[in-house]
């Protein structure tokens, strides 16, 4: 017997609660969390052994990723960053340091920071050894709650179609690891979550 799919209202309400909690964090709290998150994520063997990591540039009150990006690059990793396309799919570009990011305005979206170098195509993510995913929460099964735009659902579908099997890691604040998030048939579990206080793995 299968469970009924969650109502759109349930997901929307949970997203509102989580986003409000993020906005309530002070700048000092966010900066401290970003430093601790970088240390936690770098301790993951999946990142230590990766040659190519698909990541993202945090914006707004998201858990900060800038220190992590620079640390990955300093460790000799090739870091790919997303470029939002008009249909909400993601292209990718290589990260060459803070000076290679530029603000990008997208209608109806928060202003993003995107790589300025050559576009590598949406398929570039299939060559990553690890993919760092944004999100709002993850539950004890490894099911991730995203922001609802669908961009990373497309990324995960693309990986599956290509037969690629990178480590999937979501980056969150500590209190965003919850008992359960609403799940839909297209949702993919992640292998691990990194938070400022450490790492948790899911499944086998």
C-alpha atoms as a PDB file:
ATOM      1  CA  UNK A   1       0.000   0.000   0.000  1.00  0.00           C
ATOM      2  CA  UNK A   2       1.512   3.332  -1.048  1.00  0.00           C
ATOM      3  CA  UNK A   3       1.192   6.530   0.908  1.00  0.00           C
ATOM      4  CA  UNK A   4      -0.835   9.397  -0.473  1.00  0.00           C
ATOM      5  CA  UNK A   5       1.355  12.114  -1.979  1.00  0.00           C
ATOM      6  CA  UNK A   6       1.849  15.152   0.261  1.00  0.00           C
ATOM      7  CA  UNK A   7      -0.337  18.155  -0.336  1.00  0.00           C
ATOM      8  CA  UNK A   8       1.344  21.168  -1.941  1.00  0.00           C
ATOM      9  CA  UNK A   9       0.182  23.116   1.113  1.00  0.00           C
ATOM     10  CA  UNK A  10       2.160  20.889   3.488  1.00  0.00           C
ATOM     11  CA  UNK A  11       5.389  21.460   1.572  1.00  0.00           C
ATOM     12  CA  UNK A  12       4.722  25.188   1.219  1.00  0.00           C
ATOM     13  CA  UNK A  13       4.051  25.616   4.938  1.00  0.00           C
ATOM     14  CA  UNK A  14       7.199  23.728   5.905  1.00  0.00           C
ATOM     15  CA  UNK A  15       9.242  25.799   3.474  1.00  0.00           C
ATOM     16  CA  UNK A  16       7.860  29.037   4.957  1.00  0.00           C
ATOM     17  CA  UNK A  17       8.759  27.924   8.489  1.00  0.00           C
ATOM     18  CA  UNK A  18      12.288  26.925   7.519  1.00  0.00           C
ATOM     19  CA  UNK A  19      12.950  30.091   5.529  1.00  0.00           C
ATOM     20  CA  UNK A  20      11.682  32.243   8.419  1.00  0.00           C
ATOM     21  CA  UNK A  21      14.079  30.476  10.798  1.00  0.00           C
ATOM     22  CA  UNK A  22      16.968  31.152   8.419  1.00  0.00           C
ATOM     23  CA  UNK A  23      16.091  34.826   8.129  1.00  0.00           C
ATOM     24  CA  UNK A  24      16.102  35.098  11.935  1.00  0.00           C
ATOM     25  CA  UNK A  25      19.802  34.170  12.122  1.00  0.00           C
ATOM     26  CA  UNK A  26      22.169  37.060  12.750  1.00  0.00           C
ATOM     27  CA  UNK A  27      25.029  37.805  10.335  1.00  0.00           C
ATOM     28  CA  UNK A  28      27.496  36.631  12.990  1.00  0.00           C
ATOM     29  CA  UNK A  29      25.592  33.354  13.416  1.00  0.00           C
ATOM     30  CA  UNK A  30      25.614  32.791   9.655  1.00  0.00           C
ATOM     31  CA  UNK A  31      29.333  33.509   9.368  1.00  0.00           C
ATOM     32  CA  UNK A  32      30.175  31.120  12.216  1.00  0.00           C
ATOM     33  CA  UNK A  33      27.948  28.444  10.708  1.00  0.00           C
ATOM     34  CA  UNK A  34      29.646  28.836   7.310  1.00  0.00           C
ATOM     35  CA  UNK A  35      33.085  28.291   8.823  1.00  0.00           C
ATOM     36  CA  UNK A  36      31.935  25.220  10.739  1.00  0.00           C
ATOM     37  CA  UNK A  37      30.067  23.851   7.716  1.00  0.00           C
ATOM     38  CA  UNK A  38      33.228  24.045   5.599  1.00  0.00           C
ATOM     39  CA  UNK A  39      35.136  22.041   8.214  1.00  0.00           C
ATOM     40  CA  UNK A  40      32.383  19.413   8.425  1.00  0.00           C
ATOM     41  CA  UNK A  41      32.026  18.997   4.669  1.00  0.00           C
ATOM     42  CA  UNK A  42      35.781  18.779   4.075  1.00  0.00           C
ATOM     43  CA  UNK A  43      35.946  15.874   6.503  1.00  0.00           C
ATOM     44  CA  UNK A  44      33.725  13.783   4.225  1.00  0.00           C
ATOM     45  CA  UNK A  45      35.716  11.034   2.486  1.00  0.00           C
ATOM     46  CA  UNK A  46      33.464  11.514  -0.546  1.00  0.00           C
ATOM     47  CA  UNK A  47      34.846  15.033  -0.939  1.00  0.00           C
ATOM     48  CA  UNK A  48      38.397  14.190   0.070  1.00  0.00           C
ATOM     49  CA  UNK A  49      38.588  11.585  -2.686  1.00  0.00           C
ATOM     50  CA  UNK A  50      36.693  13.550  -5.334  1.00  0.00           C
ATOM     51  CA  UNK A  51      38.441  15.023  -8.347  1.00  0.00           C
ATOM     52  CA  UNK A  52      35.410  17.015  -9.522  1.00  0.00           C
ATOM     53  CA  UNK A  53      32.767  18.456  -7.184  1.00  0.00           C
ATOM     54  CA  UNK A  54      29.561  20.079  -8.398  1.00  0.00           C
ATOM     55  CA  UNK A  55      28.662  22.714  -5.815  1.00  0.00           C
ATOM     56  CA  UNK A  56      26.822  26.044  -5.645  1.00  0.00           C
ATOM     57  CA  UNK A  57      27.284  29.586  -4.371  1.00  0.00           C
ATOM     58  CA  UNK A  58      25.093  30.270  -1.348  1.00  0.00           C
ATOM     59  CA  UNK A  59      22.881  33.370  -1.421  1.00  0.00           C
ATOM     60  CA  UNK A  60      20.794  35.139   1.184  1.00  0.00           C
ATOM     61  CA  UNK A  61      20.388  33.177   4.408  1.00  0.00           C
ATOM     62  CA  UNK A  62      21.448  29.825   2.926  1.00  0.00           C
ATOM     63  CA  UNK A  63      24.195  27.958   4.812  1.00  0.00           C
ATOM     64  CA  UNK A  64      27.337  29.666   3.533  1.00  0.00           C
ATOM     65  CA  UNK A  65      29.412  27.828   0.940  1.00  0.00           C
ATOM     66  CA  UNK A  66      32.046  30.389  -0.083  1.00  0.00           C
ATOM     67  CA  UNK A  67      34.729  29.137   2.345  1.00  0.00           C
ATOM     68  CA  UNK A  68      34.015  25.568   1.298  1.00  0.00           C
ATOM     69  CA  UNK A  69      34.362  26.403  -2.402  1.00  0.00           C
ATOM     70  CA  UNK A  70      37.740  28.037  -1.844  1.00  0.00           C
ATOM     71  CA  UNK A  71      38.933  25.148   0.329  1.00  0.00           C
ATOM     72  CA  UNK A  72      37.913  22.590  -2.295  1.00  0.00           C
ATOM     73  CA  UNK A  73      39.735  24.530  -4.980  1.00  0.00           C
ATOM     74  CA  UNK A  74      42.821  24.916  -2.760  1.00  0.00           C
ATOM     75  CA  UNK A  75      42.800  21.134  -2.298  1.00  0.00           C
ATOM     76  CA  UNK A  76      43.124  20.689  -6.060  1.00  0.00           C
ATOM     77  CA  UNK A  77      39.506  19.823  -6.800  1.00  0.00           C
ATOM     78  CA  UNK A  78      37.785  20.912  -9.975  1.00  0.00           C
ATOM     79  CA  UNK A  79      34.687  22.748  -8.752  1.00  0.00           C
ATOM     80  CA  UNK A  80      31.662  23.176 -11.005  1.00  0.00           C
ATOM     81  CA  UNK A  81      29.070  25.853 -10.252  1.00  0.00           C
ATOM     82  CA  UNK A  82      25.566  26.189 -11.674  1.00  0.00           C
ATOM     83  CA  UNK A  83      24.261  28.738 -14.131  1.00  0.00           C
ATOM     84  CA  UNK A  84      20.477  29.084 -14.089  1.00  0.00           C
ATOM     85  CA  UNK A  85      18.846  28.793 -17.505  1.00  0.00           C
ATOM     86  CA  UNK A  86      15.575  30.380 -18.595  1.00  0.00           C
ATOM     87  CA  UNK A  87      13.669  27.091 -18.174  1.00  0.00           C
ATOM     88  CA  UNK A  88      15.047  26.585 -14.619  1.00  0.00           C
ATOM     89  CA  UNK A  89      17.488  23.908 -15.778  1.00  0.00           C
ATOM     90  CA  UNK A  90      21.160  24.305 -14.860  1.00  0.00           C
ATOM     91  CA  UNK A  91      24.220  24.787 -17.032  1.00  0.00           C
ATOM     92  CA  UNK A  92      27.652  24.614 -15.359  1.00  0.00           C
ATOM     93  CA  UNK A  93      30.920  26.509 -15.298  1.00  0.00           C
ATOM     94  CA  UNK A  94      34.247  25.948 -13.548  1.00  0.00           C
ATOM     95  CA  UNK A  95      35.057  27.949 -10.410  1.00  0.00           C
ATOM     96  CA  UNK A  96      38.310  29.850 -10.721  1.00  0.00           C
ATOM     97  CA  UNK A  97      38.192  31.774  -7.435  1.00  0.00           C
ATOM     98  CA  UNK A  98      36.114  34.658  -6.038  1.00  0.00           C
ATOM     99  CA  UNK A  99      37.077  36.940  -8.896  1.00  0.00           C
ATOM    100  CA  UNK A 100      35.412  34.635 -11.407  1.00  0.00           C
ATOM    101  CA  UNK A 101      31.899  35.108  -9.985  1.00  0.00           C
ATOM    102  CA  UNK A 102      29.419  37.726 -11.160  1.00  0.00           C
ATOM    103  CA  UNK A 103      25.941  38.695 -10.056  1.00  0.00           C
ATOM    104  CA  UNK A 104      23.192  37.447 -12.335  1.00  0.00           C
ATOM    105  CA  UNK A 105      19.608  38.674 -12.286  1.00  0.00           C
ATOM    106  CA  UNK A 106      16.845  36.257 -13.248  1.00  0.00           C
ATOM    107  CA  UNK A 107      13.201  37.382 -13.522  1.00  0.00           C
ATOM    108  CA  UNK A 108      11.298  36.483 -10.385  1.00  0.00           C
ATOM    109  CA  UNK A 109      14.379  34.985  -8.701  1.00  0.00           C
ATOM    110  CA  UNK A 110      16.848  36.075  -6.055  1.00  0.00           C
ATOM    111  CA  UNK A 111      20.007  37.583  -7.522  1.00  0.00           C
ATOM    112  CA  UNK A 112      22.557  34.795  -7.927  1.00  0.00           C
ATOM    113  CA  UNK A 113      26.339  34.593  -8.173  1.00  0.00           C
ATOM    114  CA  UNK A 114      27.405  32.575 -11.213  1.00  0.00           C
ATOM    115  CA  UNK A 115      30.747  31.644 -12.804  1.00  0.00           C
ATOM    116  CA  UNK A 116      31.886  33.932 -15.592  1.00  0.00           C
ATOM    117  CA  UNK A 117      33.912  31.381 -17.575  1.00  0.00           C
ATOM    118  CA  UNK A 118      32.858  29.148 -20.469  1.00  0.00           C
ATOM    119  CA  UNK A 119      29.588  27.272 -20.185  1.00  0.00           C
ATOM    120  CA  UNK A 120      30.153  23.532 -20.066  1.00  0.00           C
ATOM    121  CA  UNK A 121      26.581  22.363 -20.739  1.00  0.00           C
ATOM    122  CA  UNK A 122      23.951  20.759 -18.482  1.00  0.00           C
ATOM    123  CA  UNK A 123      25.593  17.349 -18.949  1.00  0.00           C
ATOM    124  CA  UNK A 124      28.820  18.496 -17.272  1.00  0.00           C
ATOM    125  CA  UNK A 125      27.401  17.535 -13.876  1.00  0.00           C
ATOM    126  CA  UNK A 126      27.429  13.862 -14.894  1.00  0.00           C
ATOM    127  CA  UNK A 127      31.236  13.908 -14.629  1.00  0.00           C
ATOM    128  CA  UNK A 128      31.225  14.965 -10.963  1.00  0.00           C
ATOM    129  CA  UNK A 129      32.380  12.577  -8.250  1.00  0.00           C
ATOM    130  CA  UNK A 130      30.292  14.422  -5.649  1.00  0.00           C
ATOM    131  CA  UNK A 131      27.331  16.792  -5.940  1.00  0.00           C
ATOM    132  CA  UNK A 132      26.596  19.275  -3.170  1.00  0.00           C
ATOM    133  CA  UNK A 133      22.900  20.083  -3.065  1.00  0.00           C
ATOM    134  CA  UNK A 134      21.093  23.071  -1.592  1.00  0.00           C
ATOM    135  CA  UNK A 135      17.965  22.362   0.385  1.00  0.00           C
ATOM    136  CA  UNK A 136      15.788  23.414   3.272  1.00  0.00           C
ATOM    137  CA  UNK A 137      15.675  20.161   5.230  1.00  0.00           C
ATOM    138  CA  UNK A 138      16.516  16.479   5.153  1.00  0.00           C
ATOM    139  CA  UNK A 139      14.896  13.705   7.128  1.00  0.00           C
ATOM    140  CA  UNK A 140      16.188  10.569   8.795  1.00  0.00           C
ATOM    141  CA  UNK A 141      15.728   8.595   5.559  1.00  0.00           C
ATOM    142  CA  UNK A 142      17.865  11.020   3.567  1.00  0.00           C
ATOM    143  CA  UNK A 143      14.913  12.580   1.742  1.00  0.00           C
ATOM    144  CA  UNK A 144      15.639  16.215   0.919  1.00  0.00           C
ATOM    145  CA  UNK A 145      13.224  19.135   0.829  1.00  0.00           C
ATOM    146  CA  UNK A 146      14.259  21.669  -1.808  1.00  0.00           C
ATOM    147  CA  UNK A 147      12.951  25.160  -2.419  1.00  0.00           C
ATOM    148  CA  UNK A 148      10.481  23.995  -5.047  1.00  0.00           C
ATOM    149  CA  UNK A 149      12.028  25.433  -8.217  1.00  0.00           C
ATOM    150  CA  UNK A 150      12.775  22.022  -9.713  1.00  0.00           C
ATOM    151  CA  UNK A 151      16.303  22.828 -10.929  1.00  0.00           C
ATOM    152  CA  UNK A 152      17.973  20.140  -8.854  1.00  0.00           C
ATOM    153  CA  UNK A 153      15.230  17.620  -9.603  1.00  0.00           C
ATOM    154  CA  UNK A 154      16.392  17.948 -13.212  1.00  0.00           C
ATOM    155  CA  UNK A 155      20.009  17.533 -12.185  1.00  0.00           C
ATOM    156  CA  UNK A 156      19.206  14.335 -10.283  1.00  0.00           C
ATOM    157  CA  UNK A 157      17.156  12.981 -13.189  1.00  0.00           C
ATOM    158  CA  UNK A 158      20.043  13.765 -15.563  1.00  0.00           C
ATOM    159  CA  UNK A 159      22.479  11.885 -13.342  1.00  0.00           C
ATOM    160  CA  UNK A 160      20.157   8.891 -13.230  1.00  0.00           C
ATOM    161  CA  UNK A 161      19.647   8.840 -17.000  1.00  0.00           C
ATOM    162  CA  UNK A 162      23.404   8.991 -17.550  1.00  0.00           C
ATOM    163  CA  UNK A 163      24.043   6.134 -15.138  1.00  0.00           C
ATOM    164  CA  UNK A 164      26.203   8.481 -13.060  1.00  0.00           C
ATOM    165  CA  UNK A 165      26.474   7.734  -9.357  1.00  0.00           C
ATOM    166  CA  UNK A 166      28.163  10.643  -7.577  1.00  0.00           C
ATOM    167  CA  UNK A 167      27.919  11.091  -3.820  1.00  0.00           C
ATOM    168  CA  UNK A 168      24.918  13.329  -3.088  1.00  0.00           C
ATOM    169  CA  UNK A 169      25.425  15.592  -0.078  1.00  0.00           C
ATOM    170  CA  UNK A 170      23.011  18.279   1.147  1.00  0.00           C
ATOM    171  CA  UNK A 171      24.332  21.283   3.098  1.00  0.00           C
ATOM    172  CA  UNK A 172      22.089  22.505   5.935  1.00  0.00           C
ATOM    173  CA  UNK A 173      21.937  24.150   9.330  1.00  0.00           C
ATOM    174  CA  UNK A 174      21.833  21.808  12.322  1.00  0.00           C
ATOM    175  CA  UNK A 175      18.117  22.185  13.083  1.00  0.00           C
ATOM    176  CA  UNK A 176      17.148  21.413   9.486  1.00  0.00           C
ATOM    177  CA  UNK A 177      17.737  17.688   9.980  1.00  0.00           C
ATOM    178  CA  UNK A 178      14.160  16.675  10.853  1.00  0.00           C
ATOM    179  CA  UNK A 179      12.111  13.557  11.524  1.00  0.00           C
ATOM    180  CA  UNK A 180      10.349  13.551   8.153  1.00  0.00           C
ATOM    181  CA  UNK A 181       9.805  15.758   5.122  1.00  0.00           C
ATOM    182  CA  UNK A 182       6.952  15.436   2.608  1.00  0.00           C
ATOM    183  CA  UNK A 183       8.035  13.094  -0.185  1.00  0.00           C
ATOM    184  CA  UNK A 184       6.942  12.721  -3.807  1.00  0.00           C
ATOM    185  CA  UNK A 185       7.680   9.868  -6.239  1.00  0.00           C
ATOM    186  CA  UNK A 186      10.343  11.850  -8.137  1.00  0.00           C
ATOM    187  CA  UNK A 187      12.312  12.729  -4.983  1.00  0.00           C
ATOM    188  CA  UNK A 188      15.788  11.194  -4.622  1.00  0.00           C
ATOM    189  CA  UNK A 189      17.452  10.434  -1.281  1.00  0.00           C
ATOM    190  CA  UNK A 190      20.903  11.817  -0.528  1.00  0.00           C
ATOM    191  CA  UNK A 191      23.774   9.832   0.951  1.00  0.00           C
ATOM    192  CA  UNK A 192      24.796  12.391   3.567  1.00  0.00           C
ATOM    193  CA  UNK A 193      24.106  15.759   5.134  1.00  0.00           C
ATOM    194  CA  UNK A 194      26.791  18.165   6.312  1.00  0.00           C
ATOM    195  CA  UNK A 195      25.855  20.709   8.973  1.00  0.00           C
ATOM    196  CA  UNK A 196      27.966  23.026  11.125  1.00  0.00           C
ATOM    197  CA  UNK A 197      28.083  20.416  13.897  1.00  0.00           C
ATOM    198  CA  UNK A 198      29.084  17.461  11.731  1.00  0.00           C
ATOM    199  CA  UNK A 199      28.070  14.878   9.168  1.00  0.00           C
ATOM    200  CA  UNK A 200      25.306  12.296   9.100  1.00  0.00           C
ATOM    201  CA  UNK A 201      24.980   9.455   6.588  1.00  0.00           C
ATOM    202  CA  UNK A 202      21.864   7.707   5.394  1.00  0.00           C
ATOM    203  CA  UNK A 203      21.172   4.225   4.067  1.00  0.00           C
ATOM    204  CA  UNK A 204      23.789   1.587   3.379  1.00  0.00           C
END
